Protein backbone atom coordinates (compact mmCIF):
# COMPACT_ATOMS: atom_id res chain seq x y z
CA MET A 1 17.56 3.52 8.70
CA THR A 2 18.25 0.56 10.96
CA ASP A 3 17.74 -2.78 9.24
CA PRO A 4 14.89 -4.47 11.18
CA THR A 5 16.14 -7.88 10.05
CA ASP A 6 19.67 -7.40 11.42
CA ASP A 7 20.02 -9.80 14.34
CA THR A 8 22.84 -7.69 15.79
CA THR A 9 20.43 -4.84 16.57
CA THR A 10 18.21 -6.77 19.00
CA VAL A 11 16.71 -4.40 21.57
CA GLU A 12 17.11 -5.61 25.12
CA ALA A 13 14.25 -5.49 27.62
CA ASN A 14 14.59 -4.15 31.14
CA ASP A 15 15.31 -7.61 32.50
CA GLY A 16 18.20 -8.09 30.11
CA GLY A 17 16.31 -10.42 27.79
CA ILE A 18 14.93 -9.82 24.32
CA ASP A 19 11.88 -7.65 23.94
CA ARG A 20 8.46 -8.93 22.94
CA ARG A 21 8.66 -7.57 19.39
CA THR A 22 11.93 -9.39 18.71
CA ALA A 23 10.50 -12.59 20.17
CA MET A 24 7.38 -12.23 18.03
CA LYS A 25 9.52 -11.72 14.96
CA ALA A 26 11.42 -14.94 15.61
CA LEU A 27 8.23 -16.85 16.36
CA GLY A 28 6.45 -15.50 13.29
CA ALA A 29 9.37 -16.21 11.00
CA THR A 30 9.89 -19.78 12.18
CA LEU A 31 6.39 -20.98 13.01
CA GLY A 32 3.75 -18.55 11.79
CA ALA A 33 5.08 -18.25 8.25
CA ALA A 34 5.46 -21.99 7.89
CA ALA A 35 2.00 -22.76 9.22
CA PHE A 36 0.36 -20.03 7.18
CA ALA A 37 2.20 -20.99 4.00
CA ARG A 38 1.03 -24.57 4.38
CA ALA A 39 -2.53 -23.44 5.02
CA MET A 40 -2.60 -21.08 2.06
CA ALA A 41 -0.67 -23.24 -0.40
CA PRO A 42 -3.83 -24.86 -1.88
CA LEU A 43 -5.34 -21.41 -2.46
CA ARG A 44 -2.22 -20.13 -4.17
CA SER A 45 -1.94 -23.22 -6.41
CA TRP A 46 1.81 -23.28 -5.94
CA SER A 47 3.96 -26.10 -7.29
CA ALA A 48 6.15 -27.85 -4.72
CA ASP A 49 9.26 -26.14 -6.13
CA GLN A 50 7.66 -22.69 -6.08
CA SER A 51 6.44 -23.21 -2.53
CA MET A 52 9.87 -24.15 -1.25
CA ASP A 53 11.56 -21.39 -3.25
CA GLU A 54 9.31 -18.76 -1.73
CA PHE A 55 9.41 -20.28 1.75
CA LEU A 56 13.22 -20.08 1.81
CA GLN A 57 13.31 -16.52 0.52
CA GLN A 58 15.11 -14.02 2.76
CA HIS A 59 13.59 -10.78 4.04
CA TYR A 60 13.61 -8.06 1.39
CA LYS A 61 16.37 -6.12 3.12
CA ARG A 62 18.66 -9.15 3.09
CA LEU A 63 18.27 -9.98 -0.57
CA SER A 64 21.31 -9.54 -2.77
CA ASP A 65 20.97 -8.05 -6.24
CA GLU A 66 21.31 -11.55 -7.65
CA ASP A 67 18.60 -12.87 -5.32
CA MET A 68 16.20 -10.12 -6.35
CA GLU A 69 16.88 -10.64 -10.04
CA ARG A 70 16.09 -14.33 -9.69
CA ILE A 71 12.89 -13.58 -7.73
CA LEU A 72 11.68 -11.03 -10.27
CA ARG A 73 12.18 -13.41 -13.17
CA ARG A 74 10.39 -16.17 -11.23
CA LEU A 75 7.43 -13.89 -10.53
CA GLU A 76 7.25 -12.89 -14.19
CA GLN A 77 7.16 -16.55 -15.20
CA GLU A 78 4.49 -17.32 -12.61
CA THR A 79 2.36 -14.44 -13.92
CA TYR A 80 2.66 -15.79 -17.45
CA ASP A 81 1.84 -19.35 -16.33
CA GLU A 82 -1.20 -18.28 -14.28
CA TYR A 83 -2.56 -15.34 -16.31
CA GLY A 84 -1.06 -15.75 -19.76
CA ALA A 85 0.35 -12.22 -19.58
CA GLN A 86 3.86 -11.07 -20.40
CA VAL A 87 4.88 -8.62 -17.67
CA HIS A 88 8.03 -6.84 -16.53
CA ILE A 89 8.60 -6.59 -12.78
CA ASP A 90 11.41 -4.47 -11.37
CA ASP A 91 12.41 -3.08 -7.98
CA PRO A 92 12.84 0.72 -8.14
CA GLN A 93 14.51 2.21 -5.07
CA PRO A 94 13.61 5.39 -3.16
CA ILE A 95 14.94 8.58 -4.73
CA PRO A 96 17.41 10.32 -2.38
CA GLY A 97 16.00 13.52 -0.94
CA VAL A 98 12.40 12.66 -1.78
CA GLN A 99 9.48 12.39 0.66
CA PHE A 100 6.21 11.97 -1.19
CA GLY A 101 3.19 13.87 -0.01
CA TYR A 102 -0.39 14.05 -1.27
CA ALA A 103 -3.00 16.78 -0.90
CA LEU A 104 -6.64 16.72 -1.95
CA ASN A 105 -8.80 19.75 -2.66
CA LEU A 106 -12.24 18.90 -1.28
CA SER A 107 -13.72 21.99 -2.91
CA VAL A 108 -13.31 20.58 -6.41
CA CYS A 109 -13.59 16.79 -5.90
CA ASN A 110 -16.92 15.87 -7.52
CA GLY A 111 -17.22 12.27 -6.32
CA CYS A 112 -16.93 10.75 -9.80
CA ARG A 113 -14.63 7.96 -8.50
CA LYS A 114 -12.40 8.02 -11.57
CA CYS A 115 -9.51 7.73 -9.10
CA VAL A 116 -11.01 4.52 -7.71
CA GLU A 117 -11.31 3.02 -11.17
CA ALA A 118 -7.78 4.03 -12.12
CA CYS A 119 -6.38 2.50 -8.93
CA HIS A 120 -8.27 -0.73 -9.60
CA ILE A 121 -6.80 -1.08 -13.10
CA GLU A 122 -3.28 0.19 -12.34
CA ASN A 123 -2.75 -2.11 -9.38
CA ASN A 124 -4.01 -5.37 -10.88
CA HIS A 125 -6.87 -5.79 -8.45
CA ASP A 126 -9.29 -8.70 -8.44
CA ARG A 127 -12.01 -7.99 -10.98
CA SER A 128 -14.75 -10.01 -9.29
CA THR A 129 -14.64 -7.90 -6.10
CA ASN A 130 -13.89 -4.61 -7.90
CA ASN A 131 -11.32 -3.86 -5.22
CA SER A 132 -9.49 -0.54 -5.00
CA TYR A 133 -7.20 1.09 -2.47
CA ILE A 134 -9.39 4.23 -2.55
CA ARG A 135 -12.83 4.81 -1.07
CA VAL A 136 -14.72 8.03 -1.80
CA PHE A 137 -17.09 9.14 0.95
CA GLU A 138 -20.12 11.27 0.19
CA MET A 139 -20.39 13.66 3.13
CA GLU A 140 -22.93 16.21 4.36
CA GLN A 141 -21.76 19.76 3.69
CA GLY A 142 -20.71 21.40 6.94
CA SER A 143 -20.05 18.06 8.63
CA MET A 144 -17.01 15.86 9.21
CA ASP A 145 -19.07 13.07 10.76
CA PHE A 146 -18.23 9.86 8.86
CA GLU A 147 -21.23 8.13 10.42
CA LYS A 148 -23.38 10.42 8.27
CA GLY A 149 -21.30 9.74 5.15
CA THR A 150 -21.33 6.80 2.77
CA ALA A 151 -18.96 5.24 0.26
CA ASP A 152 -21.80 3.29 -1.40
CA TYR A 153 -23.70 6.09 -3.14
CA ASP A 154 -25.20 5.28 -6.54
CA HIS A 155 -26.57 8.43 -8.13
CA THR A 156 -25.51 11.36 -10.28
CA VAL A 157 -22.70 13.38 -8.73
CA PRO A 158 -22.12 15.87 -7.35
CA ALA A 159 -25.35 15.71 -5.35
CA PRO A 160 -26.86 18.87 -3.79
CA GLY A 161 -25.73 19.50 -0.23
CA LYS A 162 -22.86 16.99 -0.44
CA TYR A 163 -19.09 17.03 -0.71
CA TYR A 164 -16.73 14.14 -1.42
CA MET A 165 -13.74 12.87 0.53
CA PRO A 166 -11.48 10.17 -0.98
CA VAL A 167 -9.60 8.10 1.63
CA GLN A 168 -6.67 5.75 1.03
CA CYS A 169 -3.40 4.87 2.77
CA LEU A 170 -2.20 8.13 4.30
CA GLN A 171 1.47 7.06 4.35
CA CYS A 172 1.87 7.96 8.02
CA ASP A 173 5.20 9.10 9.42
CA ASN A 174 4.28 7.21 12.61
CA PRO A 175 2.47 4.21 11.08
CA PRO A 176 0.70 1.88 13.54
CA CYS A 177 0.62 -0.86 10.88
CA VAL A 178 4.42 -1.06 10.98
CA ASP A 179 4.50 -1.27 14.77
CA VAL A 180 2.20 -4.30 14.97
CA CYS A 181 3.55 -6.47 12.12
CA PRO A 182 5.10 -9.52 13.87
CA VAL A 183 7.39 -10.45 10.96
CA GLU A 184 8.15 -6.93 9.66
CA ALA A 185 6.58 -7.56 6.28
CA THR A 186 5.65 -3.88 6.26
CA TRP A 187 8.07 -1.07 7.04
CA LYS A 188 8.63 2.63 6.38
CA GLU A 189 11.15 3.85 3.83
CA GLU A 190 12.01 7.51 3.28
CA ASP A 191 9.27 8.00 0.70
CA GLY A 192 6.55 5.89 2.30
CA VAL A 193 5.33 2.64 3.86
CA VAL A 194 5.83 -0.51 1.80
CA VAL A 195 4.85 -4.19 2.01
CA ASP A 196 6.71 -7.34 0.97
CA TYR A 197 3.90 -9.68 -0.06
CA ASN A 198 6.24 -12.67 -0.08
CA TRP A 199 7.01 -12.07 3.59
CA CYS A 200 3.47 -11.30 4.76
CA ILE A 201 1.87 -14.14 6.76
CA GLY A 202 -1.65 -12.71 6.55
CA CYS A 203 -2.19 -12.26 10.29
CA ARG A 204 -4.10 -9.01 9.59
CA TYR A 205 -2.68 -7.18 12.62
CA CYS A 206 -1.90 -4.24 10.33
CA GLN A 207 -5.48 -4.19 9.12
CA ALA A 208 -6.75 -4.00 12.69
CA ALA A 209 -4.22 -1.34 13.67
CA CYS A 210 -4.86 1.05 10.77
CA PRO A 211 -7.33 3.74 11.93
CA TYR A 212 -8.15 4.68 8.32
CA HIS A 213 -9.33 1.29 7.03
CA ALA A 214 -6.64 1.52 4.36
CA ARG A 215 -5.58 -2.13 4.36
CA ARG A 216 -7.20 -4.81 2.16
CA PHE A 217 -7.01 -8.55 2.81
CA ASN A 218 -6.71 -10.65 -0.34
CA TRP A 219 -9.17 -13.48 0.33
CA LYS A 220 -8.53 -15.29 -2.92
CA LYS A 221 -6.31 -15.39 -5.97
CA PRO A 222 -7.10 -12.29 -8.05
CA GLU A 223 -9.17 -12.84 -11.18
CA ILE A 224 -7.84 -10.66 -14.02
CA PRO A 225 -8.38 -11.34 -17.74
CA THR A 226 -5.11 -11.69 -19.63
CA GLY A 227 -5.69 -8.55 -21.67
CA GLU A 228 -6.35 -6.45 -18.55
CA VAL A 229 -3.17 -7.28 -16.63
CA ASN A 230 -1.04 -4.14 -16.24
CA PRO A 231 2.37 -5.35 -17.47
CA VAL A 232 4.40 -2.56 -15.84
CA GLN A 233 4.93 -3.79 -12.29
CA ALA A 234 7.23 -3.51 -9.28
CA TYR A 235 8.02 -5.94 -6.48
CA LEU A 236 6.81 -3.65 -3.66
CA ALA A 237 3.96 -2.17 -5.69
CA ASN A 238 1.42 -3.46 -8.17
CA ARG A 239 2.57 -6.99 -8.98
CA ILE A 240 -0.31 -9.44 -8.68
CA ARG A 241 -0.59 -10.33 -5.00
CA PRO A 242 -1.22 -13.92 -3.86
CA ALA A 243 -4.20 -14.91 -1.75
CA GLY A 244 -3.83 -14.53 1.98
CA VAL A 245 -1.87 -11.26 2.20
CA VAL A 246 -2.80 -7.74 3.30
CA GLU A 247 -2.20 -5.01 0.74
CA LYS A 248 -2.50 -1.24 0.51
CA CYS A 249 -1.84 1.89 -1.53
CA HIS A 250 1.85 2.54 -2.15
CA PHE A 251 1.57 5.89 -3.99
CA CYS A 252 2.18 3.97 -7.26
CA LEU A 253 5.88 3.67 -6.46
CA HIS A 254 6.44 1.72 -9.68
CA LYS A 255 5.75 5.06 -11.37
CA THR A 256 6.56 7.74 -8.79
CA ARG A 257 10.05 6.40 -8.02
CA LYS A 258 10.75 6.91 -11.71
CA GLY A 259 9.50 10.49 -11.78
CA GLY A 260 5.90 9.74 -12.76
CA ALA A 261 2.57 10.50 -11.10
CA PRO A 262 0.13 8.20 -9.29
CA ALA A 263 -2.62 6.74 -11.47
CA CYS A 264 -5.33 8.32 -9.31
CA GLN A 265 -3.90 11.80 -9.84
CA GLN A 266 -3.63 11.26 -13.59
CA ALA A 267 -7.26 10.11 -13.74
CA CYS A 268 -8.76 12.98 -11.72
CA PRO A 269 -10.82 15.17 -14.10
CA THR A 270 -11.06 18.17 -11.77
CA GLY A 271 -7.43 18.58 -10.66
CA ALA A 272 -8.37 17.90 -7.04
CA ARG A 273 -5.25 15.81 -6.39
CA VAL A 274 -1.83 17.34 -5.75
CA PHE A 275 1.18 15.01 -5.43
CA GLY A 276 4.90 15.60 -5.14
CA ASN A 277 8.09 15.81 -3.14
CA MET A 278 7.52 17.65 0.14
CA LEU A 279 11.26 18.37 0.39
CA ASP A 280 11.26 20.29 -2.90
CA PRO A 281 10.47 23.96 -2.18
CA ASP A 282 9.30 24.43 -5.79
CA SER A 283 6.89 21.47 -5.85
CA ASP A 284 3.11 21.81 -6.08
CA ILE A 285 2.65 19.93 -2.82
CA ARG A 286 4.89 22.39 -0.97
CA TRP A 287 2.91 25.30 -2.38
CA VAL A 288 -0.30 23.77 -1.03
CA LEU A 289 1.23 23.09 2.38
CA GLU A 290 2.55 26.63 2.64
CA ASN A 291 -0.45 28.50 1.22
CA LYS A 292 -3.55 26.50 2.17
CA ARG A 293 -5.07 25.62 5.50
CA VAL A 294 -4.57 21.86 5.39
CA TYR A 295 -5.68 19.22 7.87
CA VAL A 296 -5.28 15.46 8.33
CA LEU A 297 -7.70 12.78 9.45
CA LYS A 298 -7.67 11.81 13.12
CA GLU A 299 -4.81 14.12 13.96
CA ASP A 300 -5.22 13.32 17.65
CA LEU A 301 -3.91 9.77 17.08
CA GLY A 302 -0.41 11.04 16.34
CA THR A 303 0.05 9.00 13.15
CA ARG A 304 1.33 12.08 11.26
CA PRO A 305 -0.11 11.34 7.81
CA ARG A 306 1.51 12.58 4.59
CA PHE A 307 -1.94 12.84 3.02
CA PHE A 308 -3.57 16.23 3.49
CA TYR A 309 -7.00 17.76 2.83
CA PHE A 310 -7.92 21.36 2.15
CA PHE A 311 -10.72 23.59 0.87
CA ASP A 312 -10.33 26.56 -1.45
């Protein structure tokens, strides 16, 4: 994969100059990040030293092992200072030969939203807003019209005449959120799309570009009681995000890159969720893709999601 931060790979425009994306990257890195960091500093309650340390931090792909180790230890200390919680943050790398895929059996999903709750807890979301990366839509049977569905139902499930469709980041192979990010704080690795929250300037272009409403803007510093902080964290995953950044589902890479399963799959009481390596011919996800009639949301947009739906 070409390093998007490598200045030697600048793409030239037809007139021989730099292209707009490269220019936007330079502008965002030099002006936008500085202005946004200054604007958001009071909300983040940074010390002067922490602010400068983070401001001078290189792009993720340029960090040395020593740089990353120092950053991880700093983030752990900040979490203890701000939340009183002892946590361990690491930086697991993609597993060679692995492309994660997710499939969801709409015939057995009962709308209980256990997956939503598990995501909320696993990913250290703000408790006051009850945020989650997953929304579960209650839909009319026989219809795929989202205008007739709702994610705000409050009754016993499953309801007669309804089916349930969870929606989260679909980990697109052609992700529009990556294309629009002016500072390349979000990019696609072999196993999915990731975000560096220290590099994000909070412009929300990715949020506007995502056709699945899978991005969440962090309006304020997350409120999490000390005893509820999930201590097992990763830099590109579920570490506590600062205010002013846009976040999203990452397929629980702090677990899945170590051979585990996403929290939402583990919490599902009906077995509706199927997760695994699409390149492994013996995986459950491959069996679903080869034996079920699967479909993706908004296929006509050409985003090529790695999140599939099917009925029995």
